[in-house]
Structures are given as structure tokens and as C-alpha cells.
Amino acid sequence: MFGVSFSELIFVLVIALIVFGPEKLPEIAVKLGRFAASLRRAGDSVRREIYNSVYAPAKEVRMSLEERTRDLISVPTSPQTHADSGTPDNVEDKDGRPSSK
């Protein structure tokens, strides 16, 4: 836990017990717990703000781009034309055979 071994944690607790005494130690533990909880809430709040300001708008942009891409893909293509004559390549004559232009 945080790079602290169990023996080091016990050592710190014994020193705290000696310095603060058995009467004050529970109060200090409660205050430290409340401080840790407030830090966690602040971190969650910052994380939520970052998500709402960066990821949510990016998701909207991505969805808009995907919708426009689908719209472009679904547009029918026009027949290709000869570069010099401007007529379509797949023109058929009145009998249904391709013309020989």
C-alpha cells in the first residue's frame, strides 16, 4: 500500500500513539478519514468536469461525423462520362445494346 510495508506502517502508528496519546489518536484518525474522503470527492469532481468538457463534446462530434459519413455513402453515384464528349459511358441505343460512341 503506497510503497509502505506492514512493519513500517506499525512503526508509524506506534510513534503516533506515543506523540498524540491514546485519547487524541481516535480523533486524529477520524479527521484523517474525513480529509481522505474529501480528497476523493474533489478528485471525482475534477474527473467529472474533465469528462464533461472533453469527452462528451468529442462523442457528439464523432457521432455527427459518423452520420455524415453514412449520408455520403448512401448517395447514389452518377454514371461516368467520356472526358471528351461529356456523354455517359453506359448509354444504350433503342434496342438495349450499348452504343458504340
Protein backbone atom coordinates (compact mmCIF):
# COMPACT_ATOMS: atom_id res chain seq x y z
CA MET A 1 0.00 0.00 0.00
CA PHE A 2 1.71 3.21 -1.25
CA GLY A 3 5.14 1.54 -1.09
CA VAL A 4 4.94 1.14 2.71
CA SER A 5 5.47 -2.27 4.24
CA PHE A 6 3.39 -3.59 7.12
CA SER A 7 6.22 -3.20 9.60
CA GLU A 8 6.77 0.45 8.60
CA LEU A 9 3.04 1.12 9.00
CA ILE A 10 3.05 -0.39 12.50
CA PHE A 11 6.11 1.71 13.38
CA VAL A 12 4.36 4.93 12.26
CA LEU A 13 1.23 4.00 14.26
CA VAL A 14 3.29 3.35 17.41
CA ILE A 15 5.08 6.71 17.03
CA ALA A 16 1.71 8.45 16.50
CA LEU A 17 0.37 6.76 19.63
CA ILE A 18 3.36 7.97 21.64
CA VAL A 19 3.22 11.53 20.25
CA PHE A 20 -0.54 12.13 20.37
CA GLY A 21 -1.57 9.76 23.17
CA PRO A 22 -4.41 7.25 23.27
CA GLU A 23 -7.05 9.95 23.89
CA LYS A 24 -6.29 12.07 20.83
CA LEU A 25 -5.46 9.26 18.36
CA PRO A 26 -9.11 8.30 17.57
CA GLU A 27 -9.97 11.97 16.92
CA ILE A 28 -6.99 12.32 14.61
CA ALA A 29 -7.93 9.11 12.79
CA VAL A 30 -11.48 10.41 12.23
CA LYS A 31 -10.14 13.74 10.93
CA LEU A 32 -7.71 11.95 8.60
CA GLY A 33 -10.55 9.76 7.33
CA ARG A 34 -12.72 12.78 6.62
CA PHE A 35 -9.81 14.51 4.88
CA ALA A 36 -9.20 11.44 2.70
CA ALA A 37 -12.91 11.31 1.80
CA SER A 38 -12.92 15.00 0.85
CA LEU A 39 -9.84 14.45 -1.33
CA ARG A 40 -11.59 11.56 -3.06
CA ARG A 41 -14.71 13.69 -3.68
CA ALA A 42 -12.56 16.52 -5.07
CA GLY A 43 -10.75 14.09 -7.37
CA ASP A 44 -14.06 12.67 -8.58
CA SER A 45 -15.35 16.17 -9.20
CA VAL A 46 -12.28 17.08 -11.27
CA ARG A 47 -12.55 13.83 -13.22
CA ARG A 48 -16.25 14.50 -13.91
CA GLU A 49 -15.52 18.05 -15.10
CA ILE A 50 -12.81 16.83 -17.46
CA TYR A 51 -15.15 14.18 -18.85
CA ASN A 52 -17.98 16.68 -19.35
CA SER A 53 -15.74 19.26 -21.01
CA VAL A 54 -13.67 16.95 -23.24
CA TYR A 55 -15.15 13.52 -23.80
CA ALA A 56 -18.86 14.36 -24.08
CA PRO A 57 -18.39 17.02 -26.82
CA ALA A 58 -15.93 14.74 -28.62
CA LYS A 59 -18.56 11.98 -28.59
CA GLU A 60 -21.09 14.37 -30.15
CA VAL A 61 -18.61 15.35 -32.88
CA ARG A 62 -17.80 11.70 -33.60
CA MET A 63 -21.49 10.81 -33.88
CA SER A 64 -22.07 13.75 -36.21
CA LEU A 65 -19.15 12.68 -38.42
CA GLU A 66 -20.40 9.08 -38.49
CA GLU A 67 -23.87 10.29 -39.51
CA ARG A 68 -22.45 12.45 -42.30
CA THR A 69 -20.28 9.56 -43.46
CA ARG A 70 -23.34 7.30 -43.65
CA ASP A 71 -25.17 10.02 -45.61
CA LEU A 72 -22.28 10.30 -48.08
CA ILE A 73 -22.05 6.54 -48.52
CA SER A 74 -25.77 6.26 -49.23
CA VAL A 75 -25.71 8.93 -52.01
CA PRO A 76 -26.11 7.22 -55.40
CA THR A 77 -23.25 7.76 -57.79
CA SER A 78 -23.84 9.21 -61.23
CA PRO A 79 -22.71 7.32 -64.35
CA GLN A 80 -19.21 8.10 -65.52
CA THR A 81 -18.89 10.21 -68.67
CA HIS A 82 -16.41 10.31 -71.51
CA ALA A 83 -13.91 13.04 -70.86
CA ASP A 84 -14.04 14.41 -74.38
CA SER A 85 -17.71 14.08 -75.31
CA GLY A 86 -19.49 14.57 -71.97
CA THR A 87 -21.82 11.62 -72.63
CA PRO A 88 -22.26 8.75 -70.19
CA ASP A 89 -20.26 5.53 -70.75
CA ASN A 90 -23.22 3.23 -70.27
CA VAL A 91 -25.61 4.73 -72.88
CA GLU A 92 -27.72 2.13 -74.67
CA ASP A 93 -29.31 2.51 -78.06
CA LYS A 94 -33.03 1.97 -78.66
CA ASP A 95 -32.56 -1.83 -78.93
CA GLY A 96 -30.95 -2.07 -75.46
CA ARG A 97 -27.42 -2.65 -76.78
CA PRO A 98 -24.53 -0.48 -75.64
CA SER A 99 -23.90 2.30 -78.10
CA SER A 100 -20.60 2.40 -79.93
CA LYS A 101 -19.58 6.01 -79.34
